Structure formats: C-alpha cells, structure tokens
Amino acid sequence: MGNGNLRGKVAIVTGGASGIGEAVTRLFAERGARVVAVDLQRDAGEALARELGDAVVFRQGDVSDRAVADAAVAAAVERFGALDTLINNASASRQKPIEEQTDDDWRLAMDTGLYATRNFMLAALPELKKAGGASIVNFGSGAGLDGQPNQASYAAAKEAIRGLSRVAANEWAAYGIRVNVVCPMAMTSGVVQWAEARPEQYAQSAAKVPLGRFGDPARDVAPIVAFLASDDAQYMTGQTVMADGGAIKLR
C-alpha cells in the first residue's frame, strides 16, 4: 500500500466534524478511506459530509452513549460493508484545580474520554475481528504524561486510555488488531480557549516545544494518525506516539 495510503479502509472517527477529528476525517477521505464521522455538532457534521460526498457518512450523537457507538458501527457496515479502523478522538473536560473539580467534572472527562473509548472499542470489536488486519488509534495527552496543572480529570482519563490501549494491544493481537495511542499538541479551538483563559500556562507549554510552535491539526497530527491506521504501521502496536513538536520525549 505504502505512503500512508488508506484506500479501501473503512473508519469511524469520533469527534470527526471539528478540530483534529475533522482534519483526520478529511485526510482519510483524501487518501481513499471511507469514514463514519461521529460528532455532537450536527451542522458541522452534515456540512462536512456534503462537502466530502460519498466518502463520508455523518452520525450525530454523544460518544458517552454506548448506543451511539453501536449505531456508528452499524452505519459503517450498512453503508460501506465493513469496518477495519477506529479513531477515538472525541473527549471533553473542564480545567480547574484538583480541589475544585466536582463529581460532574470527573464524570464528563471519564464518560467522554475513557468510557467512550472503551464503548467504541467494544462495539467495533466484532467487525474489527473480521477485518484481518484492523487498527485502533486512541488519543492520549501530554496533560497526563506531564501532569499539567488544572487538568486532573482530563489527565486521569487520558492516562487510563493509554493503559486500556496497552492491554487491548496485547489481548487483541491474536485477532490481528493493532492498538496505538497518539498524543497531540495542536492549535484547536479548545486550545485557543485554554490560552485565553490561562495565558501563563499556555505560554509555558508553548515554550517547551523544541520545534517552536503548536501543531496544525491537518498538517502535523492527521498524517500521524493516518500512518498508524495504514498498513505501513503493520508492525506497531501498544505504542504511544507523541505528535507534539518534541515537547515530551518518552523513554
């Protein structure tokens, strides 16, 4: 296949109508994949599906609801005949000091992050088993690896996703399913809001990036996700890949 080609792949992308998820949906379609994009934002999702045509189906829904995961898998099979790729990108959280985070804050981070990732993985598993060479790409975060202040619930959910991914990589290798994690640092709308709300913390994070900038979702992050989903990465599983300009170097 080569060069990150995704021709013939059928993917679900959660949060697939905005930010990094939109960039992934667009690049996957460009490289020949067909995509079910799942997002809460109906207008953005429907507009994206109209723009990209037959390559993309949009399903509106809350990723924390297992029924939404089941419906997305059903849509992939009904429209495209199969499912061999799952990209768990969606998540939501609130930034506060640990002692100010409420039970609702923790539920938001865990439900849209860890539990949504688990639910989509379980919903997709029967179809991924059939694919004979499937790929899951889950999203972690430098917030968990670096222990960023005001990110306790988000960081905890993202580190839990990394642990889940490593276990699944070991257990599901027997089915030919690869499971990897990407940790991005990119200028999304959420990062813009964070920068406005906490400019000192944002400046400190930006100063740590050796390549000197926050990444662009389309140019810097989506191609890494595409690589992990492609057959070029067929010997990679259980790995965390940092798409962060060198800010964090795993050992």
C-alpha atoms as a PDB file:
ATOM      1  CA  MET A   1       0.000   0.000   0.000  1.00  0.00           C
ATOM      2  CA  GLY A   2       2.706   2.480   1.061  1.00  0.00           C
ATOM      3  CA  ASN A   3       2.884   6.183   1.800  1.00  0.00           C
ATOM      4  CA  GLY A   4       0.045   6.163   4.310  1.00  0.00           C
ATOM      5  CA  ASN A   5      -2.420   5.093   1.608  1.00  0.00           C
ATOM      6  CA  LEU A   6      -5.796   4.261   3.132  1.00  0.00           C
ATOM      7  CA  ARG A   7      -7.600   3.135   0.000  1.00  0.00           C
ATOM      8  CA  GLY A   8     -10.208   0.546   0.856  1.00  0.00           C
ATOM      9  CA  LYS A   9     -10.173   1.281   4.586  1.00  0.00           C
ATOM     10  CA  VAL A  10     -13.431   1.931   6.426  1.00  0.00           C
ATOM     11  CA  ALA A  11     -13.070   4.047   9.558  1.00  0.00           C
ATOM     12  CA  ILE A  12     -15.065   5.527  12.387  1.00  0.00           C
ATOM     13  CA  VAL A  13     -13.723   8.871  13.639  1.00  0.00           C
ATOM     14  CA  THR A  14     -15.211  10.188  16.868  1.00  0.00           C
ATOM     15  CA  GLY A  15     -15.292  13.958  17.179  1.00  0.00           C
ATOM     16  CA  GLY A  16     -14.894  13.739  13.428  1.00  0.00           C
ATOM     17  CA  ALA A  17     -16.531  17.048  12.457  1.00  0.00           C
ATOM     18  CA  SER A  18     -14.289  19.560  14.212  1.00  0.00           C
ATOM     19  CA  GLY A  19     -10.709  20.189  15.288  1.00  0.00           C
ATOM     20  CA  ILE A  20      -8.284  17.294  14.979  1.00  0.00           C
ATOM     21  CA  GLY A  21     -11.141  14.910  14.235  1.00  0.00           C
ATOM     22  CA  GLU A  22     -12.235  16.954  11.232  1.00  0.00           C
ATOM     23  CA  ALA A  23      -8.656  17.046   9.972  1.00  0.00           C
ATOM     24  CA  VAL A  24      -8.471  13.245  10.306  1.00  0.00           C
ATOM     25  CA  THR A  25     -11.787  12.762   8.510  1.00  0.00           C
ATOM     26  CA  ARG A  26     -10.655  14.982   5.633  1.00  0.00           C
ATOM     27  CA  LEU A  27      -7.258  13.316   5.258  1.00  0.00           C
ATOM     28  CA  PHE A  28      -8.684   9.819   5.441  1.00  0.00           C
ATOM     29  CA  ALA A  29     -11.164  10.647   2.683  1.00  0.00           C
ATOM     30  CA  GLU A  30      -8.376  12.229   0.632  1.00  0.00           C
ATOM     31  CA  ARG A  31      -6.270   9.078   0.969  1.00  0.00           C
ATOM     32  CA  GLY A  32      -9.052   6.769  -0.136  1.00  0.00           C
ATOM     33  CA  ALA A  33     -10.785   5.712   3.067  1.00  0.00           C
ATOM     34  CA  ARG A  34     -14.497   5.848   3.734  1.00  0.00           C
ATOM     35  CA  VAL A  35     -15.458   7.359   7.059  1.00  0.00           C
ATOM     36  CA  VAL A  36     -18.292   7.443   9.554  1.00  0.00           C
ATOM     37  CA  ALA A  37     -17.766  10.729  11.395  1.00  0.00           C
ATOM     38  CA  VAL A  38     -19.432  10.901  14.819  1.00  0.00           C
ATOM     39  CA  ASP A  39     -19.888  14.279  16.493  1.00  0.00           C
ATOM     40  CA  LEU A  40     -22.280  16.261  18.677  1.00  0.00           C
ATOM     41  CA  GLN A  41     -22.165  19.179  16.233  1.00  0.00           C
ATOM     42  CA  ARG A  42     -24.880  18.335  13.734  1.00  0.00           C
ATOM     43  CA  ASP A  43     -24.498  21.381  11.467  1.00  0.00           C
ATOM     44  CA  ALA A  44     -20.735  20.962  11.156  1.00  0.00           C
ATOM     45  CA  GLY A  45     -21.035  17.218  10.594  1.00  0.00           C
ATOM     46  CA  GLU A  46     -23.710  17.479   7.941  1.00  0.00           C
ATOM     47  CA  ALA A  47     -21.795  20.224   6.142  1.00  0.00           C
ATOM     48  CA  LEU A  48     -18.627  18.121   6.160  1.00  0.00           C
ATOM     49  CA  ALA A  49     -20.461  15.090   4.797  1.00  0.00           C
ATOM     50  CA  ARG A  50     -21.992  17.175   1.998  1.00  0.00           C
ATOM     51  CA  GLU A  51     -18.586  18.592   1.114  1.00  0.00           C
ATOM     52  CA  LEU A  52     -16.771  15.251   1.065  1.00  0.00           C
ATOM     53  CA  GLY A  53     -19.549  13.368  -0.681  1.00  0.00           C
ATOM     54  CA  ASP A  54     -19.941   9.611  -0.755  1.00  0.00           C
ATOM     55  CA  ALA A  55     -16.732   9.014   1.212  1.00  0.00           C
ATOM     56  CA  VAL A  56     -18.217  10.279   4.486  1.00  0.00           C
ATOM     57  CA  VAL A  57     -21.329   9.465   6.493  1.00  0.00           C
ATOM     58  CA  PHE A  58     -22.164  11.645   9.485  1.00  0.00           C
ATOM     59  CA  ARG A  59     -23.835  10.405  12.649  1.00  0.00           C
ATOM     60  CA  GLN A  60     -24.783  12.889  15.345  1.00  0.00           C
ATOM     61  CA  GLY A  61     -24.519  11.738  18.926  1.00  0.00           C
ATOM     62  CA  ASP A  62     -22.913  11.831  22.362  1.00  0.00           C
ATOM     63  CA  VAL A  63     -19.947   9.459  22.350  1.00  0.00           C
ATOM     64  CA  SER A  64     -20.504   8.634  26.021  1.00  0.00           C
ATOM     65  CA  ASP A  65     -23.688   6.774  24.992  1.00  0.00           C
ATOM     66  CA  ARG A  66     -22.961   3.145  24.054  1.00  0.00           C
ATOM     67  CA  ALA A  67     -25.951   3.224  21.688  1.00  0.00           C
ATOM     68  CA  VAL A  68     -24.163   5.887  19.633  1.00  0.00           C
ATOM     69  CA  ALA A  69     -21.158   3.583  19.267  1.00  0.00           C
ATOM     70  CA  ASP A  70     -23.387   0.693  18.192  1.00  0.00           C
ATOM     71  CA  ALA A  71     -25.152   2.937  15.662  1.00  0.00           C
ATOM     72  CA  ALA A  72     -21.851   4.142  14.202  1.00  0.00           C
ATOM     73  CA  VAL A  73     -20.656   0.566  13.675  1.00  0.00           C
ATOM     74  CA  ALA A  74     -23.983  -0.356  12.095  1.00  0.00           C
ATOM     75  CA  ALA A  75     -23.724   2.669   9.779  1.00  0.00           C
ATOM     76  CA  ALA A  76     -20.234   1.666   8.649  1.00  0.00           C
ATOM     77  CA  VAL A  77     -21.344  -1.859   7.811  1.00  0.00           C
ATOM     78  CA  GLU A  78     -24.606  -0.771   6.174  1.00  0.00           C
ATOM     79  CA  ARG A  79     -23.073   1.983   4.041  1.00  0.00           C
ATOM     80  CA  PHE A  80     -19.589   0.614   3.338  1.00  0.00           C
ATOM     81  CA  GLY A  81     -19.851  -3.107   4.007  1.00  0.00           C
ATOM     82  CA  ALA A  82     -17.159  -3.408   6.694  1.00  0.00           C
ATOM     83  CA  LEU A  83     -15.187  -1.702   9.445  1.00  0.00           C
ATOM     84  CA  ASP A  84     -11.425  -2.035   9.902  1.00  0.00           C
ATOM     85  CA  THR A  85     -10.320   1.237  11.525  1.00  0.00           C
ATOM     86  CA  LEU A  86     -11.409   3.064  14.674  1.00  0.00           C
ATOM     87  CA  ILE A  87     -10.157   6.511  15.673  1.00  0.00           C
ATOM     88  CA  ASN A  88     -11.194   7.517  19.211  1.00  0.00           C
ATOM     89  CA  ASN A  89     -10.562  11.262  19.205  1.00  0.00           C
ATOM     90  CA  ALA A  90     -13.555  12.828  20.989  1.00  0.00           C
ATOM     91  CA  SER A  91     -13.373  13.987  24.608  1.00  0.00           C
ATOM     92  CA  ALA A  92     -14.492  16.861  26.821  1.00  0.00           C
ATOM     93  CA  SER A  93     -13.285  18.226  30.143  1.00  0.00           C
ATOM     94  CA  ARG A  94     -13.198  21.238  32.436  1.00  0.00           C
ATOM     95  CA  GLN A  95      -9.959  22.818  33.634  1.00  0.00           C
ATOM     96  CA  LYS A  96      -9.842  23.545  37.374  1.00  0.00           C
ATOM     97  CA  PRO A  97      -7.517  22.877  40.312  1.00  0.00           C
ATOM     98  CA  ILE A  98      -7.967  19.375  41.729  1.00  0.00           C
ATOM     99  CA  GLU A  99      -9.808  20.536  44.832  1.00  0.00           C
ATOM    100  CA  GLU A 100     -12.317  22.482  42.732  1.00  0.00           C
ATOM    101  CA  GLN A 101     -13.194  19.685  40.329  1.00  0.00           C
ATOM    102  CA  THR A 102     -16.655  18.336  41.059  1.00  0.00           C
ATOM    103  CA  ASP A 103     -18.057  14.857  40.550  1.00  0.00           C
ATOM    104  CA  ASP A 104     -19.741  16.200  37.408  1.00  0.00           C
ATOM    105  CA  ASP A 105     -16.366  17.391  36.110  1.00  0.00           C
ATOM    106  CA  TRP A 106     -14.896  13.939  36.665  1.00  0.00           C
ATOM    107  CA  ARG A 107     -17.880  12.238  35.059  1.00  0.00           C
ATOM    108  CA  LEU A 108     -17.580  14.466  31.991  1.00  0.00           C
ATOM    109  CA  ALA A 109     -13.904  13.615  31.461  1.00  0.00           C
ATOM    110  CA  MET A 110     -14.327   9.904  32.120  1.00  0.00           C
ATOM    111  CA  ASP A 111     -17.593   9.446  30.210  1.00  0.00           C
ATOM    112  CA  THR A 112     -16.458  11.247  27.045  1.00  0.00           C
ATOM    113  CA  GLY A 113     -12.855  10.019  27.291  1.00  0.00           C
ATOM    114  CA  LEU A 114     -12.220   6.637  28.906  1.00  0.00           C
ATOM    115  CA  TYR A 115     -15.716   5.148  28.738  1.00  0.00           C
ATOM    116  CA  ALA A 116     -16.442   6.428  25.243  1.00  0.00           C
ATOM    117  CA  THR A 117     -13.156   4.932  24.043  1.00  0.00           C
ATOM    118  CA  ARG A 118     -13.970   1.616  25.700  1.00  0.00           C
ATOM    119  CA  ASN A 119     -17.536   1.614  24.341  1.00  0.00           C
ATOM    120  CA  PHE A 120     -16.474   2.251  20.752  1.00  0.00           C
ATOM    121  CA  MET A 121     -13.730  -0.370  21.009  1.00  0.00           C
ATOM    122  CA  LEU A 122     -16.188  -2.983  22.263  1.00  0.00           C
ATOM    123  CA  ALA A 123     -18.867  -2.019  19.741  1.00  0.00           C
ATOM    124  CA  ALA A 124     -16.354  -2.230  16.892  1.00  0.00           C
ATOM    125  CA  LEU A 125     -14.616  -5.421  18.018  1.00  0.00           C
ATOM    126  CA  PRO A 126     -16.791  -7.971  16.165  1.00  0.00           C
ATOM    127  CA  GLU A 127     -16.252  -6.167  12.841  1.00  0.00           C
ATOM    128  CA  LEU A 128     -12.569  -5.496  13.515  1.00  0.00           C
ATOM    129  CA  LYS A 129     -12.052  -9.221  14.137  1.00  0.00           C
ATOM    130  CA  LYS A 130     -13.435  -9.937  10.675  1.00  0.00           C
ATOM    131  CA  ALA A 131     -11.098  -7.444   9.003  1.00  0.00           C
ATOM    132  CA  GLY A 132      -7.913  -9.465   9.441  1.00  0.00           C
ATOM    133  CA  GLY A 133      -5.585  -6.516   9.978  1.00  0.00           C
ATOM    134  CA  ALA A 134      -7.561  -3.822  11.745  1.00  0.00           C
ATOM    135  CA  SER A 135      -6.270  -0.745  13.548  1.00  0.00           C
ATOM    136  CA  ILE A 136      -7.425   1.307  16.521  1.00  0.00           C
ATOM    137  CA  VAL A 137      -5.897   4.711  17.241  1.00  0.00           C
ATOM    138  CA  ASN A 138      -6.818   6.178  20.608  1.00  0.00           C
ATOM    139  CA  PHE A 139      -5.964   9.661  21.825  1.00  0.00           C
ATOM    140  CA  GLY A 140      -3.891  10.327  24.917  1.00  0.00           C
ATOM    141  CA  SER A 141      -2.475  13.667  26.007  1.00  0.00           C
ATOM    142  CA  GLY A 142       0.646  15.326  27.259  1.00  0.00           C
ATOM    143  CA  ALA A 143      -1.561  16.642  30.063  1.00  0.00           C
ATOM    144  CA  GLY A 144      -1.402  13.220  31.654  1.00  0.00           C
ATOM    145  CA  LEU A 145       2.213  12.477  30.830  1.00  0.00           C
ATOM    146  CA  ASP A 146       3.392  15.855  32.102  1.00  0.00           C
ATOM    147  CA  GLY A 147       0.882  16.346  34.929  1.00  0.00           C
ATOM    148  CA  GLN A 148      -0.343  19.709  33.683  1.00  0.00           C
ATOM    149  CA  PRO A 149      -1.998  21.829  36.409  1.00  0.00           C
ATOM    150  CA  ASN A 150      -5.778  22.249  36.316  1.00  0.00           C
ATOM    151  CA  GLN A 151      -6.156  19.114  34.174  1.00  0.00           C
ATOM    152  CA  ALA A 152      -6.658  16.398  36.799  1.00  0.00           C
ATOM    153  CA  SER A 153      -9.807  14.734  35.473  1.00  0.00           C
ATOM    154  CA  TYR A 154      -8.720  15.067  31.836  1.00  0.00           C
ATOM    155  CA  ALA A 155      -5.206  13.818  32.565  1.00  0.00           C
ATOM    156  CA  ALA A 156      -6.535  10.865  34.533  1.00  0.00           C
ATOM    157  CA  ALA A 157      -8.937   9.896  31.737  1.00  0.00           C
ATOM    158  CA  LYS A 158      -6.199  10.148  29.107  1.00  0.00           C
ATOM    159  CA  GLU A 159      -3.729   8.058  31.101  1.00  0.00           C
ATOM    160  CA  ALA A 160      -6.470   5.479  31.660  1.00  0.00           C
ATOM    161  CA  ILE A 161      -6.959   5.364  27.886  1.00  0.00           C
ATOM    162  CA  ARG A 162      -3.248   4.641  27.444  1.00  0.00           C
ATOM    163  CA  GLY A 163      -3.464   1.780  29.943  1.00  0.00           C
ATOM    164  CA  LEU A 164      -6.560   0.362  28.266  1.00  0.00           C
ATOM    165  CA  SER A 165      -4.849   0.608  24.887  1.00  0.00           C
ATOM    166  CA  ARG A 166      -1.787  -1.343  26.042  1.00  0.00           C
ATOM    167  CA  VAL A 167      -3.939  -4.140  27.458  1.00  0.00           C
ATOM    168  CA  ALA A 168      -6.050  -4.282  24.292  1.00  0.00           C
ATOM    169  CA  ALA A 169      -2.894  -4.340  22.155  1.00  0.00           C
ATOM    170  CA  ASN A 170      -1.797  -7.484  23.982  1.00  0.00           C
ATOM    171  CA  GLU A 171      -5.183  -9.185  24.115  1.00  0.00           C
ATOM    172  CA  TRP A 172      -6.367  -8.345  20.613  1.00  0.00           C
ATOM    173  CA  ALA A 173      -3.142  -9.017  18.739  1.00  0.00           C
ATOM    174  CA  ALA A 174      -4.427 -12.567  18.296  1.00  0.00           C
ATOM    175  CA  TYR A 175      -7.221 -11.123  16.140  1.00  0.00           C
ATOM    176  CA  GLY A 176      -4.811  -9.100  14.015  1.00  0.00           C
ATOM    177  CA  ILE A 177      -5.958  -5.849  15.635  1.00  0.00           C
ATOM    178  CA  ARG A 178      -3.336  -3.194  16.365  1.00  0.00           C
ATOM    179  CA  VAL A 179      -3.970  -0.607  19.087  1.00  0.00           C
ATOM    180  CA  ASN A 180      -1.848   2.530  19.343  1.00  0.00           C
ATOM    181  CA  VAL A 181      -2.111   5.942  21.000  1.00  0.00           C
ATOM    182  CA  VAL A 182      -1.288   9.391  19.673  1.00  0.00           C
ATOM    183  CA  CYS A 183      -0.734  12.363  21.992  1.00  0.00           C
ATOM    184  CA  PRO A 184      -1.115  15.613  20.039  1.00  0.00           C
ATOM    185  CA  MET A 185      -0.246  19.209  20.739  1.00  0.00           C
ATOM    186  CA  ALA A 186      -2.218  21.250  18.226  1.00  0.00           C
ATOM    187  CA  MET A 187      -3.988  24.582  17.889  1.00  0.00           C
ATOM    188  CA  THR A 188      -7.590  23.503  18.174  1.00  0.00           C
ATOM    189  CA  SER A 189     -10.476  25.713  19.279  1.00  0.00           C
ATOM    190  CA  GLY A 190     -10.181  24.157  22.727  1.00  0.00           C
ATOM    191  CA  VAL A 191      -6.517  25.128  22.962  1.00  0.00           C
ATOM    192  CA  VAL A 192      -7.387  28.661  21.873  1.00  0.00           C
ATOM    193  CA  GLN A 193      -9.938  28.879  24.681  1.00  0.00           C
ATOM    194  CA  TRP A 194      -7.407  27.458  27.144  1.00  0.00           C
ATOM    195  CA  ALA A 195      -4.812  30.006  26.008  1.00  0.00           C
ATOM    196  CA  GLU A 196      -7.274  32.830  26.571  1.00  0.00           C
ATOM    197  CA  ALA A 197      -8.336  31.516  29.979  1.00  0.00           C
ATOM    198  CA  ARG A 198      -4.847  30.631  31.238  1.00  0.00           C
ATOM    199  CA  PRO A 199      -2.303  32.569  29.161  1.00  0.00           C
ATOM    200  CA  GLU A 200       0.618  31.928  31.521  1.00  0.00           C
ATOM    201  CA  GLN A 201       0.129  28.154  31.434  1.00  0.00           C
ATOM    202  CA  TYR A 202      -0.266  28.252  27.658  1.00  0.00           C
ATOM    203  CA  ALA A 203       2.944  30.276  27.268  1.00  0.00           C
ATOM    204  CA  GLN A 204       4.832  27.837  29.476  1.00  0.00           C
ATOM    205  CA  SER A 205       3.621  24.888  27.381  1.00  0.00           C
ATOM    206  CA  ALA A 206       4.470  26.607  24.099  1.00  0.00           C
ATOM    207  CA  ALA A 207       7.957  27.442  25.366  1.00  0.00           C
ATOM    208  CA  LYS A 208       8.671  23.723  25.903  1.00  0.00           C
ATOM    209  CA  VAL A 209       8.193  22.823  22.232  1.00  0.00           C
ATOM    210  CA  PRO A 210      11.598  22.400  20.537  1.00  0.00           C
ATOM    211  CA  LEU A 211      10.072  22.879  17.092  1.00  0.00           C
ATOM    212  CA  GLY A 212       8.803  26.246  18.288  1.00  0.00           C
ATOM    213  CA  ARG A 213       5.058  26.078  17.738  1.00  0.00           C
ATOM    214  CA  PHE A 214       1.831  24.275  18.483  1.00  0.00           C
ATOM    215  CA  GLY A 215       0.999  21.855  15.698  1.00  0.00           C
ATOM    216  CA  ASP A 216      -1.551  22.272  12.960  1.00  0.00           C
ATOM    217  CA  PRO A 217      -4.284  19.594  13.109  1.00  0.00           C
ATOM    218  CA  ALA A 218      -4.243  18.973   9.354  1.00  0.00           C
ATOM    219  CA  ARG A 219      -0.527  19.230   8.604  1.00  0.00           C
ATOM    220  CA  ASP A 220       1.015  17.867  11.783  1.00  0.00           C
ATOM    221  CA  VAL A 221      -1.393  15.500  13.531  1.00  0.00           C
ATOM    222  CA  ALA A 222      -3.749  13.914  10.992  1.00  0.00           C
ATOM    223  CA  PRO A 223      -0.876  12.427   8.924  1.00  0.00           C
ATOM    224  CA  ILE A 224       0.465  10.648  12.030  1.00  0.00           C
ATOM    225  CA  VAL A 225      -2.977   9.182  12.715  1.00  0.00           C
ATOM    226  CA  ALA A 226      -3.191   8.120   9.074  1.00  0.00           C
ATOM    227  CA  PHE A 227       0.195   6.408   9.322  1.00  0.00           C
ATOM    228  CA  LEU A 228      -0.848   4.460  12.419  1.00  0.00           C
ATOM    229  CA  ALA A 229      -4.050   3.383  10.657  1.00  0.00           C
ATOM    230  CA  SER A 230      -2.248   2.371   7.471  1.00  0.00           C
ATOM    231  CA  ASP A 231      -0.543  -0.896   6.586  1.00  0.00           C
ATOM    232  CA  ASP A 232       2.771   0.963   6.794  1.00  0.00           C
ATOM    233  CA  ALA A 233       2.411   0.635  10.583  1.00  0.00           C
ATOM    234  CA  GLN A 234       1.514  -3.062  10.478  1.00  0.00           C
ATOM    235  CA  TYR A 235       4.297  -3.956  12.955  1.00  0.00           C
ATOM    236  CA  MET A 236       3.371  -1.292  15.521  1.00  0.00           C
ATOM    237  CA  THR A 237       1.021  -1.936  18.415  1.00  0.00           C
ATOM    238  CA  GLY A 238       0.752  -0.855  22.038  1.00  0.00           C
ATOM    239  CA  GLN A 239       2.767   2.293  21.331  1.00  0.00           C
ATOM    240  CA  THR A 240       2.294   5.925  22.317  1.00  0.00           C
ATOM    241  CA  VAL A 241       3.338   8.335  19.572  1.00  0.00           C
ATOM    242  CA  MET A 242       3.948  11.955  20.543  1.00  0.00           C
ATOM    243  CA  ALA A 243       2.730  14.453  17.934  1.00  0.00           C
ATOM    244  CA  ASP A 244       3.891  17.421  19.979  1.00  0.00           C
ATOM    245  CA  GLY A 245       6.914  19.003  18.309  1.00  0.00           C
ATOM    246  CA  GLY A 246       9.256  17.246  20.707  1.00  0.00           C
ATOM    247  CA  ALA A 247       7.760  18.691  23.907  1.00  0.00           C
ATOM    248  CA  ILE A 248       7.698  15.289  25.628  1.00  0.00           C
ATOM    249  CA  LYS A 249      10.189  12.546  24.858  1.00  0.00           C
ATOM    250  CA  LEU A 250       9.115   9.107  26.008  1.00  0.00           C
ATOM    251  CA  ARG A 251      11.641   6.605  27.321  1.00  0.00           C
END
